[in-house]
Amino acid sequence: MREAVDKKNMQLARKLVLIVIAMFGFGYALVPIYDVFCDITGLNGKTAAEAVSEVNYEIDLNRDITIEFVTSLNESAPMVFRTETRKIKVHPGQYYTVNFYAENTTDKAMVARAIPSITPGPAAEYFKKTECFCFTEQTFEPRQSKTMPVRFVVNPELPTKYKTITLAYTFFDNTKISVK
């Protein structure tokens, strides 16, 4: 009788260990699975993490695309962050520069990072930035403010079904991460 109970307990322990391993594997694979899901559905448009060289595109003066700029702060970022331009109309192939304003509202130095995203997601591959504060961490002295430019172009090969592109930035306080 005791051996039967011990055998059942061992089987249960093995099953629980396998469940834990499967849960860890699923958690580990979740980011790549999410990336594939976003690529398939066009959600969470990611822009390039580094500057591209300026290319002389043929400017399409017959086409206007509305670019909207949205800013937000991570809940732990003690800052002011906004765009100086909420919306502009652009011609594909022409370069534009817009400015963003950020201010450290604390009495301590801080390091912050802006994470961009593009909506609709498939338009991200046609939105090219030659200059952006999002390419590097930004260091702010106490109470310091900055005007930060973003220079971009919309590749004229953008499918005509896209009439509006939204570029959104979220600023994160990376002070503790950068100090380590």
Protein backbone atom coordinates (compact mmCIF):
# COMPACT_ATOMS: atom_id res chain seq x y z
CA MET A 1 0.00 0.00 0.00
CA ARG A 2 2.79 2.42 0.94
CA GLU A 3 4.62 1.66 -2.32
CA ALA A 4 1.52 2.50 -4.37
CA VAL A 5 1.20 5.90 -2.64
CA ASP A 6 4.92 6.60 -3.16
CA LYS A 7 4.60 5.67 -6.84
CA LYS A 8 1.60 8.02 -7.30
CA ASN A 9 3.47 10.82 -5.50
CA MET A 10 6.48 10.37 -7.83
CA GLN A 11 4.21 10.47 -10.88
CA LEU A 12 2.60 13.66 -9.58
CA ALA A 13 6.01 15.23 -8.89
CA ARG A 14 7.17 14.40 -12.45
CA LYS A 15 4.01 15.92 -13.94
CA LEU A 16 4.44 19.08 -11.86
CA VAL A 17 8.09 19.42 -12.91
CA LEU A 18 7.06 19.03 -16.58
CA ILE A 19 4.37 21.68 -16.13
CA VAL A 20 6.91 24.08 -14.61
CA ILE A 21 9.35 23.45 -17.49
CA ALA A 22 6.56 23.96 -20.04
CA MET A 23 5.48 27.21 -18.36
CA PHE A 24 9.07 28.50 -18.37
CA GLY A 25 9.46 27.57 -22.03
CA PHE A 26 6.22 29.32 -22.94
CA GLY A 27 7.27 32.45 -21.04
CA TYR A 28 10.65 32.42 -22.76
CA ALA A 29 9.05 32.03 -26.20
CA LEU A 30 6.36 34.65 -25.60
CA VAL A 31 8.36 37.64 -26.91
CA PRO A 32 9.26 36.02 -30.26
CA ILE A 33 5.68 34.71 -30.58
CA TYR A 34 4.35 38.21 -29.90
CA ASP A 35 6.72 39.69 -32.51
CA VAL A 36 5.47 37.21 -35.12
CA PHE A 37 1.85 37.93 -34.14
CA CYS A 38 2.48 41.68 -34.53
CA ASP A 39 4.13 41.17 -37.92
CA ILE A 40 1.18 39.11 -39.14
CA THR A 41 -1.54 41.42 -37.81
CA GLY A 42 0.28 44.73 -38.33
CA LEU A 43 -0.05 45.65 -34.65
CA ASN A 44 2.64 47.47 -32.67
CA GLY A 45 4.55 48.98 -35.60
CA LYS A 46 8.21 49.18 -34.75
CA THR A 47 10.45 51.77 -36.30
CA ALA A 48 14.15 51.37 -36.97
CA ALA A 49 16.32 51.69 -33.88
CA GLU A 50 18.99 53.64 -35.72
CA ALA A 51 19.25 56.48 -38.19
CA VAL A 52 19.05 55.84 -41.90
CA SER A 53 21.00 57.82 -44.46
CA GLU A 54 19.15 60.45 -46.42
CA VAL A 55 18.12 59.19 -49.84
CA ASN A 56 16.98 61.44 -52.66
CA TYR A 57 13.49 60.14 -53.28
CA GLU A 58 11.28 61.49 -56.01
CA ILE A 59 8.79 63.67 -54.13
CA ASP A 60 5.16 62.81 -54.82
CA LEU A 61 3.49 66.23 -54.79
CA ASN A 62 0.16 64.69 -55.84
CA ARG A 63 -0.22 62.79 -52.58
CA ASP A 64 -0.69 63.98 -49.00
CA ILE A 65 -0.25 61.80 -45.94
CA THR A 66 -1.27 62.99 -42.50
CA ILE A 67 1.34 62.29 -39.81
CA GLU A 68 0.05 62.45 -36.24
CA PHE A 69 2.41 62.70 -33.26
CA VAL A 70 1.42 61.26 -29.89
CA THR A 71 3.43 61.41 -26.67
CA SER A 72 3.04 59.61 -23.38
CA LEU A 73 5.01 58.95 -20.24
CA ASN A 74 5.56 55.70 -18.47
CA GLU A 75 3.97 55.99 -15.04
CA SER A 76 7.40 56.17 -13.38
CA ALA A 77 8.83 58.94 -15.60
CA PRO A 78 8.77 62.24 -13.66
CA MET A 79 8.84 64.42 -16.77
CA VAL A 80 6.94 66.70 -19.05
CA PHE A 81 6.91 65.38 -22.61
CA ARG A 82 5.03 66.73 -25.59
CA THR A 83 5.25 67.35 -29.28
CA GLU A 84 5.41 70.87 -30.67
CA THR A 85 3.39 69.72 -33.69
CA ARG A 86 0.43 67.40 -33.25
CA LYS A 87 -0.29 66.75 -36.92
CA ILE A 88 1.18 67.64 -40.30
CA LYS A 89 0.49 66.79 -43.92
CA VAL A 90 3.51 65.50 -45.82
CA HIS A 91 4.39 64.58 -49.37
CA PRO A 92 6.02 61.14 -49.68
CA GLY A 93 9.71 61.52 -50.51
CA GLN A 94 10.12 64.93 -48.87
CA TYR A 95 12.07 65.30 -45.60
CA TYR A 96 10.47 66.98 -42.59
CA THR A 97 11.65 67.92 -39.10
CA VAL A 98 9.40 68.15 -36.04
CA ASN A 99 10.41 69.02 -32.50
CA PHE A 100 9.53 67.40 -29.21
CA TYR A 101 9.89 69.00 -25.79
CA ALA A 102 10.97 67.11 -22.67
CA GLU A 103 11.68 68.35 -19.18
CA ASN A 104 13.00 66.67 -16.05
CA THR A 105 10.65 67.81 -13.27
CA THR A 106 12.83 66.51 -10.43
CA ASP A 107 15.77 67.88 -8.49
CA LYS A 108 17.88 64.88 -9.52
CA ALA A 109 19.67 64.01 -12.73
CA MET A 110 17.87 61.38 -14.75
CA VAL A 111 18.32 59.21 -17.80
CA ALA A 112 15.30 58.58 -20.00
CA ARG A 113 14.58 56.62 -23.14
CA ALA A 114 11.82 57.17 -25.69
CA ILE A 115 10.34 54.10 -27.35
CA PRO A 116 8.62 54.78 -30.69
CA SER A 117 5.84 52.92 -32.43
CA ILE A 118 4.00 53.44 -35.71
CA THR A 119 0.34 52.83 -36.45
CA PRO A 120 -0.70 51.20 -38.72
CA GLY A 121 2.10 48.70 -38.18
CA PRO A 122 2.82 47.89 -41.86
CA ALA A 123 3.56 51.59 -42.51
CA ALA A 124 6.57 51.41 -40.18
CA GLU A 125 8.82 50.02 -42.91
CA TYR A 126 8.12 53.12 -45.06
CA PHE A 127 8.67 55.66 -42.27
CA LYS A 128 12.39 56.49 -42.23
CA LYS A 129 14.08 58.58 -39.53
CA THR A 130 17.45 60.21 -40.19
CA GLU A 131 17.58 61.88 -36.78
CA CYS A 132 15.72 61.00 -33.59
CA PHE A 133 16.15 61.40 -29.84
CA CYS A 134 14.83 57.85 -29.57
CA PHE A 135 18.06 56.36 -30.94
CA THR A 136 19.90 56.93 -27.64
CA GLU A 137 19.18 57.47 -23.97
CA GLN A 138 18.71 61.11 -23.02
CA THR A 139 20.42 62.52 -19.95
CA PHE A 140 18.65 65.34 -18.13
CA GLU A 141 20.15 67.44 -15.36
CA PRO A 142 17.81 68.53 -12.55
CA ARG A 143 14.96 70.66 -13.97
CA GLN A 144 16.59 70.64 -17.42
CA SER A 145 14.44 70.89 -20.52
CA LYS A 146 15.32 69.97 -24.09
CA THR A 147 13.93 70.52 -27.53
CA MET A 148 14.61 67.37 -29.50
CA PRO A 149 14.19 67.10 -33.28
CA VAL A 150 12.99 64.15 -35.33
CA ARG A 151 13.84 64.26 -39.02
CA PHE A 152 11.94 61.82 -41.20
CA VAL A 153 10.67 60.96 -44.63
CA VAL A 154 7.87 58.71 -45.83
CA ASN A 155 9.10 56.45 -48.60
CA PRO A 156 6.98 57.12 -51.73
CA GLU A 157 6.50 53.36 -52.11
CA LEU A 158 4.06 53.46 -49.18
CA PRO A 159 0.86 51.83 -50.46
CA THR A 160 -1.81 54.38 -51.34
CA LYS A 161 -4.31 52.85 -48.91
CA TYR A 162 -2.41 54.53 -46.05
CA LYS A 163 -3.64 58.09 -45.60
CA THR A 164 -2.69 58.62 -41.94
CA ILE A 165 0.33 57.45 -39.96
CA THR A 166 0.63 57.92 -36.20
CA LEU A 167 4.09 58.15 -34.64
CA ALA A 168 3.85 57.59 -30.89
CA TYR A 169 6.60 57.91 -28.32
CA THR A 170 6.57 56.75 -24.72
CA PHE A 171 9.33 58.08 -22.45
CA PHE A 172 10.67 55.76 -19.75
CA ASP A 173 12.81 56.72 -16.75
CA ASN A 174 15.94 54.54 -17.10
CA THR A 175 17.95 56.24 -14.34
CA LYS A 176 18.19 53.17 -12.10
CA ILE A 177 18.93 50.87 -15.04
CA SER A 178 21.68 53.14 -16.44
CA VAL A 179 23.38 53.68 -13.07
CA LYS A 180 23.99 49.96 -12.46
